[in-house]
């Protein structure tokens, strides 16, 4: 069954994966030899405050990913206006990159505000089918 071309929202799912991988990749590959790939979950590596924040940002991204992917699929399966779905999906990905930057930069109040906005974008995605004509 052919469902048509990929939408911007479909591609945003890949963007969300990049957003949750980015902080941990920065921590691991920016550690200049301190990261041992034979022990990728070594707690000693994450004792450094920056690396601990990178791990937190990564884990939070993993936690939120399922809701985002499901919200995109629900919205598109229920024939929500595609331009709204695309806009909310892109906004979510941009917010997740901003969240990671705030987390890595140790700006906790901003990080929490960005998280709330990203969560709101997900909730809005779930309800976009109500806006269909």
Foldseek 3Di string as FASTA:
>chain_A
DDPDDDALLNVLLVLLVCLLVVLQCCLQVVPVPPQDPVCNPPVVSLPPPLNVLSVVLNVVSVVCSVLSVVLLVLLVVLPFPRVLSNVLSVLLSVLSNVLSVCSSVVVVVVNVVSVVSSVVSSVVSNVRSVVHD
